Amino acid sequence: MIKKLTRHGNSLALVIDKGILDLLNIGADTPLTVNTDGQNLIISPAAPPGREKRFRAALEKVNRRYGKALKRLAE
């Protein structure tokens, strides 16, 4: 799919088709992150608040419980 940017005041906007919004479960109020890898524009739904904290806590729990076994498997 090829898209063109649309003038929106002093800025440019990218209009995303409803089908893509529905597929990704994105609405007008969904916070998005905008990144680039140097050549591509990457637009993603923002991670829910606290996700990183929950991930770190789960990782710590797994390391406490299975850390020794995981180290032996890695050798």
PDB file of N, CA and C in Angstrom:
ATOM      1  N   MET A   1       0.852  -1.169   0.000  1.00  0.00           N
ATOM      2  CA  MET A   1       0.000   0.000   0.000  1.00  0.00           C
ATOM      3  C   MET A   1       0.897   1.231   0.000  1.00  0.00           C
ATOM      4  N   ILE A   2       0.638   2.124  -0.906  1.00  0.00           N
ATOM      5  CA  ILE A   2       1.388   3.380  -0.996  1.00  0.00           C
ATOM      6  C   ILE A   2       0.488   4.499  -0.491  1.00  0.00           C
ATOM      7  N   LYS A   3       1.017   5.321   0.404  1.00  0.00           N
ATOM      8  CA  LYS A   3       0.261   6.425   0.994  1.00  0.00           C
ATOM      9  C   LYS A   3       1.009   7.722   0.726  1.00  0.00           C
ATOM     10  N   LYS A   4       0.272   8.813   0.721  1.00  0.00           N
ATOM     11  CA  LYS A   4       0.854  10.147   0.614  1.00  0.00           C
ATOM     12  C   LYS A   4       0.535  10.904   1.897  1.00  0.00           C
ATOM     13  N   LEU A   5       1.423  11.799   2.263  1.00  0.00           N
ATOM     14  CA  LEU A   5       1.182  12.648   3.423  1.00  0.00           C
ATOM     15  C   LEU A   5       0.174  13.729   3.041  1.00  0.00           C
ATOM     16  N   THR A   6      -0.598  14.154   4.026  1.00  0.00           N
ATOM     17  CA  THR A   6      -1.630  15.168   3.839  1.00  0.00           C
ATOM     18  C   THR A   6      -1.267  16.396   4.669  1.00  0.00           C
ATOM     19  N   ARG A   7      -1.448  17.588   4.099  1.00  0.00           N
ATOM     20  CA  ARG A   7      -1.201  18.815   4.860  1.00  0.00           C
ATOM     21  C   ARG A   7      -2.201  18.933   5.997  1.00  0.00           C
ATOM     22  N   HIS A   8      -1.684  19.260   7.175  1.00  0.00           N
ATOM     23  CA  HIS A   8      -2.524  19.453   8.355  1.00  0.00           C
ATOM     24  C   HIS A   8      -1.952  20.661   9.090  1.00  0.00           C
ATOM     25  N   GLY A   9      -2.448  21.851   8.769  1.00  0.00           N
ATOM     26  CA  GLY A   9      -1.883  23.082   9.334  1.00  0.00           C
ATOM     27  C   GLY A   9      -0.471  23.264   8.803  1.00  0.00           C
ATOM     28  N   ASN A  10       0.489  23.475   9.705  1.00  0.00           N
ATOM     29  CA  ASN A  10       1.895  23.610   9.327  1.00  0.00           C
ATOM     30  C   ASN A  10       2.624  22.272   9.314  1.00  0.00           C
ATOM     31  N   SER A  11       1.906  21.185   9.509  1.00  0.00           N
ATOM     32  CA  SER A  11       2.507  19.859   9.584  1.00  0.00           C
ATOM     33  C   SER A  11       2.010  18.981   8.445  1.00  0.00           C
ATOM     34  N   LEU A  12       2.519  17.771   8.418  1.00  0.00           N
ATOM     35  CA  LEU A  12       2.049  16.752   7.488  1.00  0.00           C
ATOM     36  C   LEU A  12       1.494  15.591   8.303  1.00  0.00           C
ATOM     37  N   ALA A  13       0.440  14.952   7.794  1.00  0.00           N
ATOM     38  CA  ALA A  13      -0.200  13.854   8.512  1.00  0.00           C
ATOM     39  C   ALA A  13      -0.261  12.628   7.612  1.00  0.00           C
ATOM     40  N   LEU A  14      -0.197  11.472   8.233  1.00  0.00           N
ATOM     41  CA  LEU A  14      -0.361  10.204   7.531  1.00  0.00           C
ATOM     42  C   LEU A  14      -1.704   9.630   7.951  1.00  0.00           C
ATOM     43  N   VAL A  15      -2.597   9.445   7.004  1.00  0.00           N
ATOM     44  CA  VAL A  15      -3.926   8.899   7.296  1.00  0.00           C
ATOM     45  C   VAL A  15      -3.830   7.380   7.213  1.00  0.00           C
ATOM     46  N   ILE A  16      -4.232   6.705   8.292  1.00  0.00           N
ATOM     47  CA  ILE A  16      -4.167   5.242   8.358  1.00  0.00           C
ATOM     48  C   ILE A  16      -5.573   4.700   8.146  1.00  0.00           C
ATOM     49  N   ASP A  17      -5.704   3.771   7.211  1.00  0.00           N
ATOM     50  CA  ASP A  17      -7.012   3.204   6.873  1.00  0.00           C
ATOM     51  C   ASP A  17      -7.645   2.484   8.059  1.00  0.00           C
ATOM     52  N   LYS A  18      -8.974   2.504   8.117  1.00  0.00           N
ATOM     53  CA  LYS A  18      -9.725   1.896   9.215  1.00  0.00           C
ATOM     54  C   LYS A  18      -9.408   0.407   9.361  1.00  0.00           C
ATOM     55  N   GLY A  19      -9.229  -0.296   8.262  1.00  0.00           N
ATOM     56  CA  GLY A  19      -8.914  -1.728   8.338  1.00  0.00           C
ATOM     57  C   GLY A  19      -7.637  -2.007   9.108  1.00  0.00           C
ATOM     58  N   ILE A  20      -6.627  -1.185   8.887  1.00  0.00           N
ATOM     59  CA  ILE A  20      -5.357  -1.348   9.607  1.00  0.00           C
ATOM     60  C   ILE A  20      -5.536  -0.979  11.070  1.00  0.00           C
ATOM     61  N   LEU A  21      -6.271   0.081  11.339  1.00  0.00           N
ATOM     62  CA  LEU A  21      -6.531   0.483  12.730  1.00  0.00           C
ATOM     63  C   LEU A  21      -7.276  -0.622  13.474  1.00  0.00           C
ATOM     64  N   ASP A  22      -8.275  -1.220  12.819  1.00  0.00           N
ATOM     65  CA  ASP A  22      -9.030  -2.312  13.450  1.00  0.00           C
ATOM     66  C   ASP A  22      -8.138  -3.521  13.691  1.00  0.00           C
ATOM     67  N   LEU A  23      -7.299  -3.860  12.711  1.00  0.00           N
ATOM     68  CA  LEU A  23      -6.409  -5.008  12.834  1.00  0.00           C
ATOM     69  C   LEU A  23      -5.472  -4.862  14.026  1.00  0.00           C
ATOM     70  N   LEU A  24      -4.964  -3.655  14.244  1.00  0.00           N
ATOM     71  CA  LEU A  24      -4.018  -3.394  15.332  1.00  0.00           C
ATOM     72  C   LEU A  24      -4.692  -2.925  16.614  1.00  0.00           C
ATOM     73  N   ASN A  25      -6.023  -2.835  16.573  1.00  0.00           N
ATOM     74  CA  ASN A  25      -6.792  -2.388  17.742  1.00  0.00           C
ATOM     75  C   ASN A  25      -6.338  -1.001  18.206  1.00  0.00           C
ATOM     76  N   ILE A  26      -6.215  -0.092  17.251  1.00  0.00           N
ATOM     77  CA  ILE A  26      -5.789   1.287  17.523  1.00  0.00           C
ATOM     78  C   ILE A  26      -6.973   2.213  17.312  1.00  0.00           C
ATOM     79  N   GLY A  27      -7.188   3.111  18.253  1.00  0.00           N
ATOM     80  CA  GLY A  27      -8.247   4.098  18.141  1.00  0.00           C
ATOM     81  C   GLY A  27      -7.670   5.505  18.248  1.00  0.00           C
ATOM     82  N   ALA A  28      -8.541   6.479  18.216  1.00  0.00           N
ATOM     83  CA  ALA A  28      -8.112   7.880  18.275  1.00  0.00           C
ATOM     84  C   ALA A  28      -7.389   8.203  19.582  1.00  0.00           C
ATOM     85  N   ASP A  29      -7.700   7.469  20.655  1.00  0.00           N
ATOM     86  CA  ASP A  29      -7.097   7.751  21.961  1.00  0.00           C
ATOM     87  C   ASP A  29      -5.909   6.850  22.285  1.00  0.00           C
ATOM     88  N   THR A  30      -5.521   5.969  21.362  1.00  0.00           N
ATOM     89  CA  THR A  30      -4.417   5.042  21.620  1.00  0.00           C
ATOM     90  C   THR A  30      -3.086   5.789  21.544  1.00  0.00           C
ATOM     91  N   PRO A  31      -2.276   5.750  22.614  1.00  0.00           N
ATOM     92  CA  PRO A  31      -0.958   6.379  22.534  1.00  0.00           C
ATOM     93  C   PRO A  31      -0.048   5.543  21.624  1.00  0.00           C
ATOM     94  N   LEU A  32       0.709   6.224  20.782  1.00  0.00           N
ATOM     95  CA  LEU A  32       1.595   5.545  19.837  1.00  0.00           C
ATOM     96  C   LEU A  32       3.034   5.993  20.052  1.00  0.00           C
ATOM     97  N   THR A  33       3.966   5.087  19.796  1.00  0.00           N
ATOM     98  CA  THR A  33       5.376   5.458  19.778  1.00  0.00           C
ATOM     99  C   THR A  33       5.807   5.547  18.324  1.00  0.00           C
ATOM    100  N   VAL A  34       6.618   6.530  18.024  1.00  0.00           N
ATOM    101  CA  VAL A  34       7.132   6.728  16.670  1.00  0.00           C
ATOM    102  C   VAL A  34       8.649   6.630  16.741  1.00  0.00           C
ATOM    103  N   ASN A  35       9.212   5.663  16.016  1.00  0.00           N
ATOM    104  CA  ASN A  35      10.654   5.424  16.002  1.00  0.00           C
ATOM    105  C   ASN A  35      11.125   5.307  14.564  1.00  0.00           C
ATOM    106  N   THR A  36      12.437   5.265  14.411  1.00  0.00           N
ATOM    107  CA  THR A  36      13.013   5.021  13.100  1.00  0.00           C
ATOM    108  C   THR A  36      14.241   4.143  13.267  1.00  0.00           C
ATOM    109  N   ASP A  37      14.520   3.349  12.250  1.00  0.00           N
ATOM    110  CA  ASP A  37      15.748   2.560  12.238  1.00  0.00           C
ATOM    111  C   ASP A  37      16.772   3.212  11.308  1.00  0.00           C
ATOM    112  N   GLY A  38      16.522   4.431  10.905  1.00  0.00           N
ATOM    113  CA  GLY A  38      17.405   5.164  10.014  1.00  0.00           C
ATOM    114  C   GLY A  38      16.885   5.212   8.585  1.00  0.00           C
ATOM    115  N   GLN A  39      16.036   4.250   8.220  1.00  0.00           N
ATOM    116  CA  GLN A  39      15.473   4.230   6.882  1.00  0.00           C
ATOM    117  C   GLN A  39      13.960   4.098   6.892  1.00  0.00           C
ATOM    118  N   ASN A  40      13.409   3.532   7.949  1.00  0.00           N
ATOM    119  CA  ASN A  40      11.974   3.271   8.029  1.00  0.00           C
ATOM    120  C   ASN A  40      11.355   3.980   9.217  1.00  0.00           C
ATOM    121  N   LEU A  41      10.122   4.364   9.065  1.00  0.00           N
ATOM    122  CA  LEU A  41       9.335   4.945  10.146  1.00  0.00           C
ATOM    123  C   LEU A  41       8.556   3.808  10.783  1.00  0.00           C
ATOM    124  N   ILE A  42       8.673   3.663  12.095  1.00  0.00           N
ATOM    125  CA  ILE A  42       8.017   2.578  12.814  1.00  0.00           C
ATOM    126  C   ILE A  42       7.031   3.183  13.804  1.00  0.00           C
ATOM    127  N   ILE A  43       5.748   2.904  13.610  1.00  0.00           N
ATOM    128  CA  ILE A  43       4.691   3.422  14.476  1.00  0.00           C
ATOM    129  C   ILE A  43       4.062   2.226  15.180  1.00  0.00           C
ATOM    130  N   SER A  44       4.061   2.244  16.511  1.00  0.00           N
ATOM    131  CA  SER A  44       3.551   1.122  17.299  1.00  0.00           C
ATOM    132  C   SER A  44       2.688   1.628  18.444  1.00  0.00           C
ATOM    133  N   PRO A  45       1.707   0.822  18.870  1.00  0.00           N
ATOM    134  CA  PRO A  45       0.984   1.187  20.090  1.00  0.00           C
ATOM    135  C   PRO A  45       1.974   1.247  21.258  1.00  0.00           C
ATOM    136  N   ALA A  46       1.853   2.243  22.090  1.00  0.00           N
ATOM    137  CA  ALA A  46       2.756   2.389  23.234  1.00  0.00           C
ATOM    138  C   ALA A  46       2.516   1.270  24.232  1.00  0.00           C
ATOM    139  N   ALA A  47       3.584   0.825  24.863  1.00  0.00           N
ATOM    140  CA  ALA A  47       3.477  -0.220  25.884  1.00  0.00           C
ATOM    141  C   ALA A  47       2.673   0.319  27.060  1.00  0.00           C
ATOM    142  N   PRO A  48       1.822  -0.514  27.644  1.00  0.00           N
ATOM    143  CA  PRO A  48       1.043  -0.054  28.795  1.00  0.00           C
ATOM    144  C   PRO A  48       1.956   0.366  29.947  1.00  0.00           C
ATOM    145  N   PRO A  49       1.550   1.364  30.727  1.00  0.00           N
ATOM    146  CA  PRO A  49       2.379   1.799  31.851  1.00  0.00           C
ATOM    147  C   PRO A  49       2.603   0.641  32.824  1.00  0.00           C
ATOM    148  N   GLY A  50       3.811   0.531  33.323  1.00  0.00           N
ATOM    149  CA  GLY A  50       4.132  -0.506  34.294  1.00  0.00           C
ATOM    150  C   GLY A  50       4.557  -1.822  33.665  1.00  0.00           C
ATOM    151  N   ARG A  51       4.505  -1.926  32.352  1.00  0.00           N
ATOM    152  CA  ARG A  51       4.860  -3.187  31.687  1.00  0.00           C
ATOM    153  C   ARG A  51       6.316  -3.553  31.958  1.00  0.00           C
ATOM    154  N   GLU A  52       7.210  -2.589  31.835  1.00  0.00           N
ATOM    155  CA  GLU A  52       8.638  -2.836  32.069  1.00  0.00           C
ATOM    156  C   GLU A  52       8.875  -3.297  33.504  1.00  0.00           C
ATOM    157  N   LYS A  53       8.191  -2.661  34.449  1.00  0.00           N
ATOM    158  CA  LYS A  53       8.358  -3.023  35.864  1.00  0.00           C
ATOM    159  C   LYS A  53       7.883  -4.452  36.116  1.00  0.00           C
ATOM    160  N   ARG A  54       6.740  -4.830  35.532  1.00  0.00           N
ATOM    161  CA  ARG A  54       6.233  -6.202  35.700  1.00  0.00           C
ATOM    162  C   ARG A  54       7.166  -7.221  35.049  1.00  0.00           C
ATOM    163  N   PHE A  55       7.721  -6.862  33.879  1.00  0.00           N
ATOM    164  CA  PHE A  55       8.655  -7.757  33.201  1.00  0.00           C
ATOM    165  C   PHE A  55       9.901  -7.983  34.048  1.00  0.00           C
ATOM    166  N   ARG A  56      10.458  -6.903  34.579  1.00  0.00           N
ATOM    167  CA  ARG A  56      11.671  -7.025  35.413  1.00  0.00           C
ATOM    168  C   ARG A  56      11.408  -7.870  36.651  1.00  0.00           C
ATOM    169  N   ALA A  57      10.237  -7.698  37.267  1.00  0.00           N
ATOM    170  CA  ALA A  57       9.889  -8.480  38.458  1.00  0.00           C
ATOM    171  C   ALA A  57       9.767  -9.963  38.103  1.00  0.00           C
ATOM    172  N   ALA A  58       9.142 -10.276  36.968  1.00  0.00           N
ATOM    173  CA  ALA A  58       9.006 -11.667  36.538  1.00  0.00           C
ATOM    174  C   ALA A  58      10.370 -12.264  36.219  1.00  0.00           C
ATOM    175  N   LEU A  59      11.237 -11.498  35.580  1.00  0.00           N
ATOM    176  CA  LEU A  59      12.577 -11.972  35.255  1.00  0.00           C
ATOM    177  C   LEU A  59      13.372 -12.272  36.523  1.00  0.00           C
ATOM    178  N   GLU A  60      13.276 -11.406  37.488  1.00  0.00           N
ATOM    179  CA  GLU A  60      13.967 -11.618  38.772  1.00  0.00           C
ATOM    180  C   GLU A  60      13.465 -12.892  39.458  1.00  0.00           C
ATOM    181  N   LYS A  61      12.161 -13.107  39.437  1.00  0.00           N
ATOM    182  CA  LYS A  61      11.570 -14.299  40.054  1.00  0.00           C
ATOM    183  C   LYS A  61      12.077 -15.579  39.371  1.00  0.00           C
ATOM    184  N   VAL A  62      12.118 -15.568  38.044  1.00  0.00           N
ATOM    185  CA  VAL A  62      12.612 -16.735  37.305  1.00  0.00           C
ATOM    186  C   VAL A  62      14.086 -16.962  37.610  1.00  0.00           C
ATOM    187  N   ASN A  63      14.873 -15.894  37.652  1.00  0.00           N
ATOM    188  CA  ASN A  63      16.302 -16.038  37.949  1.00  0.00           C
ATOM    189  C   ASN A  63      16.542 -16.579  39.353  1.00  0.00           C
ATOM    190  N   ARG A  64      15.754 -16.138  40.302  1.00  0.00           N
ATOM    191  CA  ARG A  64      15.895 -16.661  41.667  1.00  0.00           C
ATOM    192  C   ARG A  64      15.571 -18.148  41.725  1.00  0.00           C
ATOM    193  N   ARG A  65      14.519 -18.522  41.027  1.00  0.00           N
ATOM    194  CA  ARG A  65      14.040 -19.908  41.113  1.00  0.00           C
ATOM    195  C   ARG A  65      14.846 -20.871  40.243  1.00  0.00           C
ATOM    196  N   TYR A  66      15.213 -20.438  39.030  1.00  0.00           N
ATOM    197  CA  TYR A  66      15.842 -21.352  38.082  1.00  0.00           C
ATOM    198  C   TYR A  66      17.230 -20.900  37.620  1.00  0.00           C
ATOM    199  N   GLY A  67      17.805 -19.894  38.254  1.00  0.00           N
ATOM    200  CA  GLY A  67      19.075 -19.329  37.811  1.00  0.00           C
ATOM    201  C   GLY A  67      20.194 -20.341  37.684  1.00  0.00           C
ATOM    202  N   LYS A  68      20.364 -21.190  38.702  1.00  0.00           N
ATOM    203  CA  LYS A  68      21.434 -22.177  38.674  1.00  0.00           C
ATOM    204  C   LYS A  68      21.252 -23.175  37.545  1.00  0.00           C
ATOM    205  N   ALA A  69      20.019 -23.638  37.361  1.00  0.00           N
ATOM    206  CA  ALA A  69      19.750 -24.599  36.291  1.00  0.00           C
ATOM    207  C   ALA A  69      19.967 -23.963  34.920  1.00  0.00           C
ATOM    208  N   LEU A  70      19.571 -22.713  34.760  1.00  0.00           N
ATOM    209  CA  LEU A  70      19.763 -22.045  33.486  1.00  0.00           C
ATOM    210  C   LEU A  70      21.240 -21.855  33.169  1.00  0.00           C
ATOM    211  N   LYS A  71      22.042 -21.561  34.186  1.00  0.00           N
ATOM    212  CA  LYS A  71      23.496 -21.420  33.971  1.00  0.00           C
ATOM    213  C   LYS A  71      24.116 -22.745  33.553  1.00  0.00           C
ATOM    214  N   ARG A  72      23.688 -23.837  34.189  1.00  0.00           N
ATOM    215  CA  ARG A  72      24.217 -25.160  33.814  1.00  0.00           C
ATOM    216  C   ARG A  72      23.826 -25.509  32.382  1.00  0.00           C
ATOM    217  N   LEU A  73      22.603 -25.184  31.980  1.00  0.00           N
ATOM    218  CA  LEU A  73      22.170 -25.456  30.603  1.00  0.00           C
ATOM    219  C   LEU A  73      22.962 -24.647  29.587  1.00  0.00           C
ATOM    220  N   ALA A  74      23.383 -23.448  29.984  1.00  0.00           N
ATOM    221  CA  ALA A  74      24.108 -22.576  29.066  1.00  0.00           C
ATOM    222  C   ALA A  74      25.551 -23.020  28.861  1.00  0.00           C
ATOM    223  N   GLU A  75      26.059 -23.832  29.744  1.00  0.00           N
ATOM    224  CA  GLU A  75      27.471 -24.275  29.638  1.00  0.00           C
ATOM    225  C   GLU A  75      27.647 -25.358  28.610  1.00  0.00           C
TER     226      GLU A  75
END
